[in-house]
Protein backbone atom coordinates (compact mmCIF):
# COMPACT_ATOMS: atom_id res chain seq x y z
CA MET A 1 -44.58 152.16 -29.95
CA PHE A 2 -47.83 152.01 -28.01
CA LYS A 3 -49.48 154.40 -30.49
CA LYS A 4 -48.70 152.06 -33.38
CA MET A 5 -49.91 149.05 -31.45
CA PHE A 6 -53.21 150.72 -30.55
CA ALA A 7 -53.65 152.03 -34.11
CA LYS A 8 -53.40 148.46 -35.42
CA ILE A 9 -56.44 147.50 -33.33
CA GLY A 10 -58.34 150.64 -34.36
CA VAL A 11 -57.61 152.90 -31.39
CA GLY A 12 -56.27 156.23 -32.59
CA ALA A 13 -56.31 155.07 -36.23
CA ALA A 14 -57.29 157.09 -39.30
CA LYS A 15 -61.02 157.63 -39.92
CA VAL A 16 -63.09 158.24 -43.04
CA ASP A 17 -66.22 160.36 -43.44
CA LEU A 18 -68.25 160.87 -46.64
CA ARG A 19 -69.99 164.24 -46.57
CA LEU A 20 -72.65 164.81 -49.24
CA ASN A 21 -73.65 168.34 -50.23
CA GLU A 22 -77.36 167.42 -50.02
CA THR A 23 -79.48 164.75 -48.34
CA ALA A 24 -81.69 164.23 -51.41
CA TYR A 25 -80.98 164.10 -55.14
CA THR A 26 -83.07 163.77 -58.29
CA LEU A 27 -82.80 160.84 -60.70
CA GLY A 28 -80.31 161.60 -63.46
CA HIS A 29 -78.54 164.30 -61.44
CA VAL A 30 -75.01 164.21 -60.05
CA ILE A 31 -74.46 163.52 -56.35
CA GLU A 32 -71.61 165.67 -55.05
CA GLY A 33 -69.65 165.76 -51.84
CA ALA A 34 -66.25 165.07 -50.32
CA ILE A 35 -64.46 162.20 -48.63
CA ILE A 36 -62.69 163.38 -45.47
CA ILE A 37 -59.78 161.30 -44.16
CA GLN A 38 -58.65 162.26 -40.68
CA GLY A 39 -55.24 160.99 -39.64
CA GLY A 40 -54.92 159.28 -36.28
CA ASN A 41 -52.17 159.19 -33.68
CA VAL A 42 -49.62 157.64 -36.03
CA GLN A 43 -48.67 157.74 -39.70
CA GLN A 44 -50.52 155.02 -41.66
CA HIS A 45 -50.51 153.70 -45.20
CA ILE A 46 -53.91 153.60 -46.91
CA ASN A 47 -54.33 150.85 -49.49
CA LEU A 48 -57.55 152.20 -51.00
CA ILE A 49 -60.84 154.01 -50.47
CA ASP A 50 -63.98 152.52 -51.99
CA VAL A 51 -67.44 154.10 -51.97
CA GLU A 52 -70.37 151.74 -52.54
CA PHE A 53 -73.92 152.79 -53.40
CA TRP A 54 -76.52 150.42 -51.91
CA LEU A 55 -80.23 149.84 -52.44
CA GLU A 56 -82.52 148.42 -49.75
CA VAL A 57 -85.92 146.95 -50.68
CA GLN A 58 -88.40 145.76 -48.09
CA MET A 59 -90.66 143.02 -49.41
CA LYS A 60 -94.32 142.57 -48.54
CA SER A 61 -93.32 139.83 -46.09
CA GLY A 62 -91.19 142.35 -44.22
CA GLN A 63 -87.93 140.77 -45.34
CA MET A 64 -85.24 143.28 -46.32
CA HIS A 65 -83.06 142.78 -49.41
CA THR A 66 -79.88 144.88 -49.69
CA HIS A 67 -77.96 145.08 -52.97
CA ARG A 68 -74.97 147.04 -54.19
CA VAL A 69 -75.77 149.31 -57.12
CA GLU A 70 -72.26 150.62 -57.75
CA SER A 71 -68.73 150.43 -56.34
CA LEU A 72 -66.42 153.38 -56.95
CA ARG A 73 -62.67 153.51 -56.32
CA ALA A 74 -62.08 156.96 -54.83
CA ALA A 75 -58.36 156.67 -54.05
CA SER A 76 -55.54 154.16 -53.76
CA SER A 77 -52.10 153.81 -52.12
CA PHE A 78 -51.27 156.93 -50.14
CA THR A 79 -49.94 157.84 -46.70
CA ILE A 80 -51.87 159.80 -44.08
CA ASN A 81 -49.67 161.46 -41.46
CA GLU A 82 -50.40 161.78 -37.77
CA GLY A 83 -53.23 164.30 -37.30
CA GLU A 84 -53.31 165.12 -41.04
CA LYS A 85 -56.62 165.85 -42.77
CA LYS A 86 -57.17 165.00 -46.44
CA GLU A 87 -60.19 165.85 -48.56
CA ILE A 88 -61.06 164.05 -51.80
CA PRO A 89 -63.88 165.34 -54.08
CA PHE A 90 -66.67 162.83 -54.67
CA THR A 91 -69.24 162.66 -57.50
CA TYR A 92 -71.68 160.02 -58.67
CA HIS A 93 -74.07 160.33 -61.62
CA LEU A 94 -77.43 158.75 -60.74
CA PRO A 95 -78.94 156.49 -63.43
CA LEU A 96 -82.42 157.39 -64.70
CA ASP A 97 -83.82 153.89 -64.28
CA LEU A 98 -83.44 153.46 -60.52
CA PRO A 99 -86.57 153.22 -58.37
CA ILE A 100 -87.05 156.43 -56.42
CA SER A 101 -87.11 156.40 -52.63
CA ALA A 102 -90.42 155.15 -51.26
CA SER A 103 -91.89 153.51 -48.18
CA ASN A 104 -90.13 150.25 -49.08
CA VAL A 105 -87.15 151.63 -51.03
CA SER A 106 -84.12 153.35 -49.50
CA TYR A 107 -80.49 154.05 -50.38
CA PHE A 108 -77.18 154.59 -48.62
CA PHE A 109 -73.49 155.06 -49.38
CA LYS A 110 -70.92 152.90 -47.60
CA THR A 111 -67.35 154.22 -47.56
CA HIS A 112 -64.48 151.83 -46.85
CA LEU A 113 -61.01 153.00 -45.82
CA ASP A 114 -58.58 150.08 -46.21
CA ILE A 115 -55.70 150.63 -43.76
CA GLU A 116 -52.55 148.56 -44.25
CA GLY A 117 -51.87 146.39 -41.22
CA GLY A 118 -54.73 147.89 -39.22
CA VAL A 119 -58.47 147.88 -38.61
CA ASP A 120 -60.33 149.38 -41.55
CA SER A 121 -62.63 152.38 -41.09
CA THR A 122 -66.14 152.53 -42.58
CA ASP A 123 -68.85 155.16 -42.88
CA ARG A 124 -72.54 154.87 -43.84
CA ASP A 125 -74.61 157.78 -45.19
CA PRO A 126 -78.29 157.55 -46.19
CA VAL A 127 -79.50 159.51 -49.23
CA ARG A 128 -82.98 160.03 -50.64
CA ILE A 129 -83.57 159.69 -54.39
CA LYS A 130 -86.33 161.95 -55.70
CA ALA A 131 -88.56 161.84 -58.76
CA PRO A 132 -87.64 164.12 -61.67
CA LYS A 133 -89.73 167.16 -62.51
CA SER A 134 -91.36 165.45 -65.49
CA LEU A 135 -92.94 162.81 -63.23
CA TYR A 136 -94.39 165.44 -60.91
CA GLN A 137 -95.80 167.26 -63.95
CA LEU A 138 -97.40 164.04 -65.19
CA VAL A 139 -99.04 163.43 -61.81
CA GLU A 140 -100.32 167.02 -61.76
CA GLY A 141 -102.06 166.25 -65.06
CA PHE A 142 -103.81 163.26 -63.47
CA GLU A 143 -104.74 165.35 -60.42
CA ALA A 144 -106.30 168.01 -62.65
CA LEU A 145 -108.69 165.29 -63.87
CA GLY A 146 -109.62 164.37 -60.30
CA PHE A 147 -107.35 161.35 -59.78
CA ARG A 148 -105.79 160.79 -56.36
CA GLU A 149 -102.97 158.53 -55.17
CA LYS A 150 -103.67 155.21 -53.49
CA HIS A 151 -101.80 154.49 -50.29
CA HIS A 152 -99.45 151.95 -51.91
CA SER A 153 -98.56 154.21 -54.85
CA GLY A 154 -94.86 154.21 -55.73
CA LYS A 155 -93.95 150.90 -54.13
CA PHE A 156 -91.26 148.82 -55.85
CA ASN A 157 -92.00 145.08 -56.04
CA GLY A 158 -88.56 143.94 -57.18
CA TYR A 159 -89.35 144.29 -60.89
CA LYS A 160 -90.95 147.67 -61.41
CA GLN A 161 -92.04 150.79 -59.59
CA GLU A 162 -95.71 151.38 -60.25
CA PHE A 163 -97.87 154.36 -59.33
CA SER A 164 -101.56 153.89 -58.53
CA LEU A 165 -104.45 156.36 -58.63
CA PHE A 166 -108.22 156.22 -58.18
CA PRO A 167 -110.83 158.47 -59.85
CA THR A 168 -112.91 161.01 -57.93
CA ASP A 169 -114.43 162.74 -60.98
CA PHE A 170 -113.40 161.78 -64.53
CA LEU A 171 -114.10 158.05 -65.17
CA LYS A 172 -115.47 157.54 -61.65
CA GLY A 173 -117.72 154.48 -61.73
CA TYR A 174 -116.13 153.27 -64.96
CA VAL A 175 -112.56 152.67 -63.80
CA ASN A 176 -111.53 151.07 -60.52
CA GLU A 177 -107.91 152.10 -60.67
CA VAL A 178 -105.35 153.78 -62.91
CA GLU A 179 -101.79 152.44 -62.75
CA PHE A 180 -98.72 153.58 -64.62
CA GLU A 181 -94.98 153.06 -64.82
CA VAL A 182 -92.59 155.46 -66.50
CA ALA A 183 -89.29 155.72 -68.34
CA ILE A 184 -87.54 159.09 -68.06
CA GLU A 185 -85.94 160.25 -71.31
CA ARG A 186 -84.01 163.34 -72.37
CA LYS A 187 -86.87 164.69 -74.51
CA GLY A 188 -89.75 163.69 -72.25
CA ILE A 189 -91.36 160.81 -70.44
CA ARG A 190 -92.74 157.46 -71.61
CA VAL A 191 -95.72 156.07 -69.78
CA LEU A 192 -97.20 152.59 -69.69
CA LEU A 193 -100.79 153.36 -68.68
CA GLU A 194 -103.16 150.71 -67.34
CA LEU A 195 -106.88 151.11 -66.64
CA ASP A 196 -108.52 148.52 -64.40
CA LEU A 197 -112.17 148.13 -65.41
CA PRO A 198 -114.90 146.35 -63.42
CA SER A 199 -116.11 143.25 -65.27
CA PHE A 200 -118.46 140.73 -63.64
CA GLY A 201 -116.47 139.72 -60.57
CA ARG A 202 -112.99 140.26 -61.96
CA GLU A 203 -111.02 143.23 -63.18
CA ARG A 204 -110.40 143.77 -66.85
CA GLU A 205 -107.13 145.48 -67.70
CA ILE A 206 -106.44 147.61 -70.74
CA LYS A 207 -103.03 149.13 -71.46
CA ASN A 208 -101.60 151.87 -73.62
CA GLU A 209 -98.09 153.24 -74.01
CA LEU A 210 -97.69 156.99 -74.45
CA PHE A 211 -94.96 159.57 -74.86
CA PHE A 212 -95.16 163.16 -73.63
CA THR A 213 -92.57 165.77 -74.57
CA ASN A 214 -91.00 168.11 -72.02
CA ASP A 215 -92.85 170.99 -73.67
CA GLU A 216 -96.21 169.25 -73.23
CA LEU A 217 -95.40 168.37 -69.64
CA SER A 218 -94.59 172.00 -68.85
CA GLN A 219 -98.19 173.00 -69.70
CA PRO A 220 -100.64 171.67 -67.05
CA SER A 221 -103.72 172.12 -69.20
CA THR A 222 -102.07 170.40 -72.18
CA ILE A 223 -100.92 167.32 -70.28
CA ALA A 224 -104.34 166.98 -68.61
CA ARG A 225 -106.05 167.18 -72.01
CA LEU A 226 -103.73 164.61 -73.59
CA LEU A 227 -104.25 162.19 -70.70
CA GLU A 228 -108.00 162.67 -70.91
CA GLU A 229 -108.02 162.04 -74.66
CA ALA A 230 -105.85 158.92 -74.31
CA MET A 231 -108.07 157.43 -71.59
CA GLU A 232 -111.27 158.26 -73.48
CA GLU A 233 -109.89 156.48 -76.54
CA MET A 234 -109.04 153.43 -74.42
CA MET A 235 -112.54 153.37 -72.92
CA GLU A 236 -114.25 153.76 -76.29
CA ASN A 237 -112.20 150.96 -77.90
CA PRO A 238 -111.17 148.66 -75.04
CA ARG A 239 -110.58 145.61 -77.26
CA ASP A 240 -107.77 147.46 -79.00
CA TYR A 241 -105.91 147.76 -75.70
CA GLU A 242 -106.54 144.38 -74.05
CA TYR A 243 -103.43 142.68 -75.40
CA TYR A 244 -100.52 145.00 -74.91
CA LYS A 245 -97.69 144.31 -77.36
CA PRO A 246 -94.83 146.83 -77.27
CA SER A 247 -93.52 147.78 -80.69
CA HIS A 248 -91.67 150.60 -82.41
CA TYR A 249 -93.09 153.96 -81.46
CA ASP A 250 -93.16 157.50 -82.74
CA GLN A 251 -92.24 159.81 -79.88
CA HIS A 252 -94.26 162.61 -81.42
CA SER A 253 -97.57 160.77 -81.19
CA HIS A 254 -99.77 159.62 -78.33
CA HIS A 255 -100.42 156.20 -79.78
CA PRO A 256 -99.99 152.70 -78.40
CA ARG A 257 -97.51 151.73 -81.12
CA MET A 258 -94.45 152.26 -78.96
CA SER A 259 -91.46 150.26 -77.78
CA GLY A 260 -91.44 148.36 -74.49
CA LEU A 261 -90.44 150.31 -71.43
CA GLY A 262 -86.75 149.63 -71.66
CA GLY A 263 -85.13 151.99 -69.18
CA ALA A 264 -88.27 152.08 -67.05
CA MET A 265 -87.93 153.50 -63.56
CA GLY A 266 -86.92 150.59 -61.37
CA GLY A 267 -85.60 148.58 -64.31
CA PHE A 268 -81.98 149.00 -63.20
CA ALA A 269 -82.75 147.45 -59.84
CA ALA A 270 -84.93 144.74 -61.36
CA GLY A 271 -82.05 143.53 -63.48
CA MET A 272 -79.74 143.63 -60.49
CA LEU A 273 -82.08 141.82 -58.10
CA GLY A 274 -82.93 139.24 -60.73
CA GLY A 275 -84.27 135.89 -59.60
CA LEU A 276 -83.39 136.47 -55.95
CA LEU A 277 -86.79 137.99 -55.28
CA ILE A 278 -88.84 135.46 -57.25
CA GLU A 279 -89.25 133.10 -54.31
CA ASN A 280 -90.37 135.92 -52.02
CA LEU A 281 -92.75 137.31 -54.61
CA MET A 282 -94.27 133.88 -55.22
CA ASP A 283 -94.73 133.40 -51.48
CA ASP A 284 -96.51 136.75 -51.30
CA MET A 285 -98.75 135.75 -54.21
CA PHE A 286 -99.77 132.48 -52.55
CA GLU A 287 -100.42 134.26 -49.27
CA ASP A 288 -102.61 136.79 -51.06
CA SER A 289 -104.58 134.08 -52.89
CA ALA A 290 -105.25 132.32 -49.59
CA LEU A 291 -107.15 135.36 -48.39
CA GLY A 292 -109.76 134.86 -51.08
CA GLU A 293 -111.66 137.33 -53.23
CA ILE A 294 -113.58 138.81 -50.28
CA GLY A 295 -110.33 139.89 -48.63
CA GLU A 296 -109.17 141.47 -51.88
CA ASP A 297 -112.42 143.38 -52.22
CA ILE A 298 -112.09 144.72 -48.67
CA GLU A 299 -108.50 145.76 -49.31
CA GLU A 300 -109.45 147.53 -52.54
CA ALA A 301 -112.26 149.40 -50.80
CA GLY A 302 -109.89 150.50 -48.06
CA GLU A 303 -107.31 151.72 -50.54
CA ASP A 304 -109.83 153.94 -52.25
CA LEU A 305 -110.45 155.76 -48.99
CA LEU A 306 -106.78 156.44 -48.34
CA ASP A 307 -105.00 159.08 -50.39
CA GLY A 308 -101.32 158.40 -50.92
CA ASP A 309 -98.70 161.06 -50.19
CA PHE A 310 -95.91 159.92 -52.51
CA PHE A 311 -95.86 163.19 -54.46
CA ASP A 312 -96.75 165.45 -51.52
CA GLY A 313 -94.25 167.37 -49.47
CA GLY A 314 -93.21 170.14 -51.83
CA ASP A 315 -89.96 168.68 -53.15
CA ASP A 316 -87.68 171.03 -55.03
CA TRP A 317 -86.67 169.77 -58.47
């Protein structure tokens, strides 16, 4: 009698524990693990087990936004006996258009055990989402040309995840910054490439959309050459790239006539966050403008002196 009474208030009740096989997974891969249900001091009826996948984004203001990416029903309506242990396999296929884990982006799973007539049990497990191999190969191509990460590279602003580099050799003195966002595809990677050019007190931006096949990405010298050729073309004919208009593209050519970056990394979260972040982003914009152009120049100069470490650390693919 006392066991049942205590179980209803959570003492000696069944517990749930999600155990993932790894602590980090690559975009597009399958997360695997098991849900462990440990029976308590009495037999209890379980209404359901839900596993939710959550995204946390920290805005520039420091405010944290938490949003559910997915909710999965792992089990429903069963009985767990006193002291019994049940194990349920768990899998989740990661979308390709999520932002990858970064300084302001993190993920966790929340497991909910709904106990009939008692206090529910929950479990929280962080997980790191890594970049796919093709993105590392692309960055290696930039590095071969002397580009280095800026300290804010890889941050997600609520709409897109953008990577930022500065030149130390090729295009040094001609380009202030190289930025790009990507869309991971089965046959390769699409890249929206932006060059920020100095232009009498304000930056001039030119953009080009490219596609690189998996075969090209697997050859460091090839991807470096293709990037170099694309950027040289942009520099030689900047007017052709000032007004970026996505259109149908041929995935076998390195030409700006390509579709928009539907499926871009971070696009899944952007659609989910929607207008909720607009107010925060606008506040950040007004705060930045209040600093004036001198403050921006100082910030830019500081960024150039700080290499980012987004793609460092020797991740396994």
